[in-house]
Amino acid sequence: MCFAVPLRLLEVDGSAGVCMMSGVSIEVRLDLLEDARPGDYVLVHAGFAIQLLDEDEAETTISMIGEMLEKSEREPSSQ
């Protein structure tokens, strides 16, 4: 299964960028995007920003991921 996470881009330095997630800085590659700028939301998979997202779409996805994590923490594992 593949999983990509929407993150807000904080810094851009050529083809590298920095995003923040839960207070931790994450370096991402921007090689696959042409016009990523600080403040943009990017979809990150395996360290690469693979798509620009509009703010509403990104925040909705972030909220849904948070809900899934909360639910998985409340429910016992079936393994």
N, C-alpha and C. Protein backbone atom coordinates (compact mmCIF):
# COMPACT_ATOMS: atom_id res chain seq x y z
N MET A 1 0.84 -1.16 0.00
CA MET A 1 0.00 0.00 0.00
C MET A 1 0.89 1.24 0.00
N CYS A 2 0.52 2.23 -0.77
CA CYS A 2 1.24 3.50 -0.82
C CYS A 2 0.48 4.54 -0.02
N PHE A 3 1.20 5.47 0.56
CA PHE A 3 0.57 6.49 1.38
C PHE A 3 1.30 7.80 1.14
N ALA A 4 0.57 8.83 0.78
CA ALA A 4 1.13 10.17 0.59
C ALA A 4 0.45 11.11 1.57
N VAL A 5 1.21 12.08 2.06
CA VAL A 5 0.72 12.97 3.10
C VAL A 5 0.77 14.41 2.61
N PRO A 6 -0.32 15.17 2.80
CA PRO A 6 -0.28 16.59 2.46
C PRO A 6 0.46 17.37 3.54
N LEU A 7 1.42 18.18 3.13
CA LEU A 7 2.20 19.00 4.05
C LEU A 7 2.33 20.40 3.49
N ARG A 8 2.46 21.38 4.39
CA ARG A 8 2.68 22.76 3.95
C ARG A 8 4.18 22.97 3.76
N LEU A 9 4.54 23.50 2.62
CA LEU A 9 5.93 23.78 2.28
C LEU A 9 6.36 25.07 2.97
N LEU A 10 7.44 25.00 3.74
CA LEU A 10 7.92 26.16 4.48
C LEU A 10 9.07 26.88 3.78
N GLU A 11 9.98 26.10 3.20
CA GLU A 11 11.17 26.67 2.56
C GLU A 11 11.42 25.97 1.24
N VAL A 12 11.97 26.73 0.29
CA VAL A 12 12.37 26.16 -0.99
C VAL A 12 13.80 26.61 -1.27
N ASP A 13 14.65 25.64 -1.63
CA ASP A 13 16.03 25.93 -2.01
C ASP A 13 16.34 25.08 -3.23
N GLY A 14 16.09 25.64 -4.40
CA GLY A 14 16.28 24.89 -5.64
C GLY A 14 15.28 23.76 -5.73
N SER A 15 15.79 22.53 -5.82
CA SER A 15 14.90 21.38 -5.93
C SER A 15 14.69 20.69 -4.58
N ALA A 16 15.05 21.36 -3.51
CA ALA A 16 14.81 20.83 -2.16
C ALA A 16 13.86 21.76 -1.42
N GLY A 17 13.12 21.17 -0.48
CA GLY A 17 12.21 21.97 0.33
C GLY A 17 12.15 21.43 1.74
N VAL A 18 11.54 22.22 2.60
CA VAL A 18 11.34 21.82 3.99
C VAL A 18 9.87 21.98 4.32
N CYS A 19 9.30 20.93 4.91
CA CYS A 19 7.93 20.95 5.39
C CYS A 19 7.97 20.67 6.89
N MET A 20 6.85 20.89 7.55
CA MET A 20 6.76 20.61 8.98
C MET A 20 5.59 19.67 9.21
N MET A 21 5.82 18.65 10.06
CA MET A 21 4.75 17.74 10.44
C MET A 21 4.89 17.43 11.92
N SER A 22 3.87 17.77 12.68
CA SER A 22 3.85 17.52 14.13
C SER A 22 5.09 18.11 14.81
N GLY A 23 5.50 19.28 14.37
CA GLY A 23 6.63 19.96 14.99
C GLY A 23 8.00 19.48 14.52
N VAL A 24 8.04 18.57 13.55
CA VAL A 24 9.30 18.03 13.05
C VAL A 24 9.51 18.50 11.61
N SER A 25 10.70 19.05 11.33
CA SER A 25 11.04 19.47 9.97
C SER A 25 11.33 18.25 9.11
N ILE A 26 10.79 18.27 7.91
CA ILE A 26 10.98 17.15 6.98
C ILE A 26 11.51 17.71 5.67
N GLU A 27 12.64 17.19 5.22
CA GLU A 27 13.19 17.60 3.93
C GLU A 27 12.48 16.82 2.84
N VAL A 28 12.09 17.53 1.79
CA VAL A 28 11.42 16.89 0.65
C VAL A 28 12.09 17.33 -0.64
N ARG A 29 12.00 16.48 -1.62
CA ARG A 29 12.51 16.81 -2.96
C ARG A 29 11.37 17.42 -3.76
N LEU A 30 11.71 18.44 -4.54
CA LEU A 30 10.71 19.15 -5.34
C LEU A 30 10.92 18.94 -6.84
N ASP A 31 11.74 17.96 -7.20
CA ASP A 31 12.08 17.71 -8.61
C ASP A 31 10.87 17.48 -9.50
N LEU A 32 9.79 16.95 -8.95
CA LEU A 32 8.62 16.59 -9.75
C LEU A 32 7.61 17.73 -9.90
N LEU A 33 7.88 18.85 -9.24
CA LEU A 33 6.97 20.01 -9.31
C LEU A 33 7.73 21.21 -9.87
N GLU A 34 7.06 21.99 -10.68
CA GLU A 34 7.72 23.14 -11.29
C GLU A 34 7.56 24.42 -10.47
N ASP A 35 6.40 24.63 -9.87
CA ASP A 35 6.11 25.93 -9.29
C ASP A 35 5.80 25.90 -7.80
N ALA A 36 6.39 25.00 -7.05
CA ALA A 36 6.12 24.94 -5.61
C ALA A 36 6.79 26.12 -4.92
N ARG A 37 6.01 26.78 -4.06
CA ARG A 37 6.51 27.96 -3.33
C ARG A 37 6.18 27.80 -1.84
N PRO A 38 6.95 28.47 -0.98
CA PRO A 38 6.61 28.44 0.44
C PRO A 38 5.16 28.85 0.66
N GLY A 39 4.48 28.11 1.52
CA GLY A 39 3.06 28.35 1.79
C GLY A 39 2.14 27.41 1.04
N ASP A 40 2.66 26.79 -0.04
CA ASP A 40 1.86 25.82 -0.79
C ASP A 40 1.71 24.53 0.01
N TYR A 41 0.62 23.83 -0.23
CA TYR A 41 0.48 22.46 0.27
C TYR A 41 0.94 21.53 -0.83
N VAL A 42 1.74 20.54 -0.45
CA VAL A 42 2.23 19.55 -1.40
C VAL A 42 1.89 18.16 -0.87
N LEU A 43 1.66 17.24 -1.78
CA LEU A 43 1.41 15.85 -1.43
C LEU A 43 2.77 15.15 -1.48
N VAL A 44 3.20 14.58 -0.33
CA VAL A 44 4.55 14.01 -0.22
C VAL A 44 4.46 12.49 -0.10
N HIS A 45 5.24 11.82 -0.95
CA HIS A 45 5.34 10.36 -0.91
C HIS A 45 6.80 9.98 -1.07
N ALA A 46 7.31 9.18 -0.14
CA ALA A 46 8.69 8.68 -0.19
C ALA A 46 9.70 9.81 -0.33
N GLY A 47 9.42 10.94 0.34
CA GLY A 47 10.36 12.06 0.34
C GLY A 47 10.25 13.00 -0.85
N PHE A 48 9.34 12.71 -1.76
CA PHE A 48 9.15 13.56 -2.94
C PHE A 48 7.79 14.23 -2.91
N ALA A 49 7.77 15.53 -3.17
CA ALA A 49 6.51 16.24 -3.36
C ALA A 49 6.03 15.87 -4.76
N ILE A 50 4.87 15.23 -4.83
CA ILE A 50 4.41 14.69 -6.11
C ILE A 50 3.26 15.48 -6.72
N GLN A 51 2.66 16.39 -5.93
CA GLN A 51 1.51 17.14 -6.45
C GLN A 51 1.26 18.36 -5.56
N LEU A 52 0.85 19.46 -6.18
CA LEU A 52 0.36 20.61 -5.43
C LEU A 52 -1.10 20.38 -5.07
N LEU A 53 -1.50 20.80 -3.88
CA LEU A 53 -2.89 20.69 -3.44
C LEU A 53 -3.41 22.06 -3.07
N ASP A 54 -4.73 22.27 -3.29
CA ASP A 54 -5.28 23.52 -2.77
C ASP A 54 -5.49 23.35 -1.27
N GLU A 55 -5.57 24.46 -0.57
CA GLU A 55 -5.61 24.45 0.89
C GLU A 55 -6.79 23.67 1.45
N ASP A 56 -7.98 23.84 0.87
CA ASP A 56 -9.16 23.12 1.36
C ASP A 56 -8.98 21.61 1.24
N GLU A 57 -8.51 21.15 0.09
CA GLU A 57 -8.30 19.72 -0.13
C GLU A 57 -7.26 19.18 0.86
N ALA A 58 -6.17 19.91 1.05
CA ALA A 58 -5.11 19.47 1.97
C ALA A 58 -5.63 19.38 3.40
N GLU A 59 -6.34 20.41 3.85
CA GLU A 59 -6.83 20.41 5.23
C GLU A 59 -7.89 19.33 5.46
N THR A 60 -8.72 19.07 4.46
CA THR A 60 -9.69 17.98 4.58
C THR A 60 -8.98 16.64 4.71
N THR A 61 -7.96 16.42 3.90
CA THR A 61 -7.21 15.17 3.95
C THR A 61 -6.48 15.02 5.27
N ILE A 62 -5.86 16.10 5.76
CA ILE A 62 -5.15 16.07 7.05
C ILE A 62 -6.13 15.72 8.17
N SER A 63 -7.31 16.29 8.13
CA SER A 63 -8.34 16.00 9.13
C SER A 63 -8.75 14.53 9.08
N MET A 64 -8.94 14.00 7.88
CA MET A 64 -9.33 12.60 7.73
C MET A 64 -8.23 11.66 8.24
N ILE A 65 -6.98 11.98 7.98
CA ILE A 65 -5.88 11.16 8.48
C ILE A 65 -5.87 11.19 10.00
N GLY A 66 -6.09 12.36 10.59
CA GLY A 66 -6.15 12.47 12.05
C GLY A 66 -7.26 11.63 12.63
N GLU A 67 -8.43 11.63 12.00
CA GLU A 67 -9.56 10.82 12.46
C GLU A 67 -9.23 9.33 12.38
N MET A 68 -8.58 8.91 11.31
CA MET A 68 -8.20 7.50 11.18
C MET A 68 -7.22 7.10 12.28
N LEU A 69 -6.25 7.96 12.57
CA LEU A 69 -5.27 7.66 13.62
C LEU A 69 -5.94 7.57 14.98
N GLU A 70 -6.84 8.51 15.26
CA GLU A 70 -7.57 8.46 16.54
C GLU A 70 -8.37 7.18 16.67
N LYS A 71 -9.05 6.81 15.60
CA LYS A 71 -9.87 5.59 15.64
C LYS A 71 -9.00 4.36 15.84
N SER A 72 -7.86 4.31 15.17
CA SER A 72 -6.99 3.14 15.30
C SER A 72 -6.39 3.05 16.70
N GLU A 73 -6.20 4.18 17.37
CA GLU A 73 -5.68 4.17 18.74
C GLU A 73 -6.74 3.70 19.74
N ARG A 74 -8.01 3.97 19.44
CA ARG A 74 -9.11 3.59 20.36
C ARG A 74 -9.48 2.12 20.24
N GLU A 75 -9.36 1.57 19.04
CA GLU A 75 -9.81 0.20 18.81
C GLU A 75 -8.65 -0.78 18.99
N PRO A 76 -8.91 -1.90 19.67
CA PRO A 76 -7.85 -2.90 19.83
C PRO A 76 -7.50 -3.53 18.49
N SER A 77 -6.27 -3.93 18.36
CA SER A 77 -5.80 -4.57 17.14
C SER A 77 -6.45 -5.95 17.01
N SER A 78 -6.78 -6.33 15.79
CA SER A 78 -7.40 -7.63 15.54
C SER A 78 -6.36 -8.69 15.20
N GLN A 79 -5.08 -8.38 15.36
CA GLN A 79 -4.03 -9.34 15.02
C GLN A 79 -3.72 -10.26 16.16
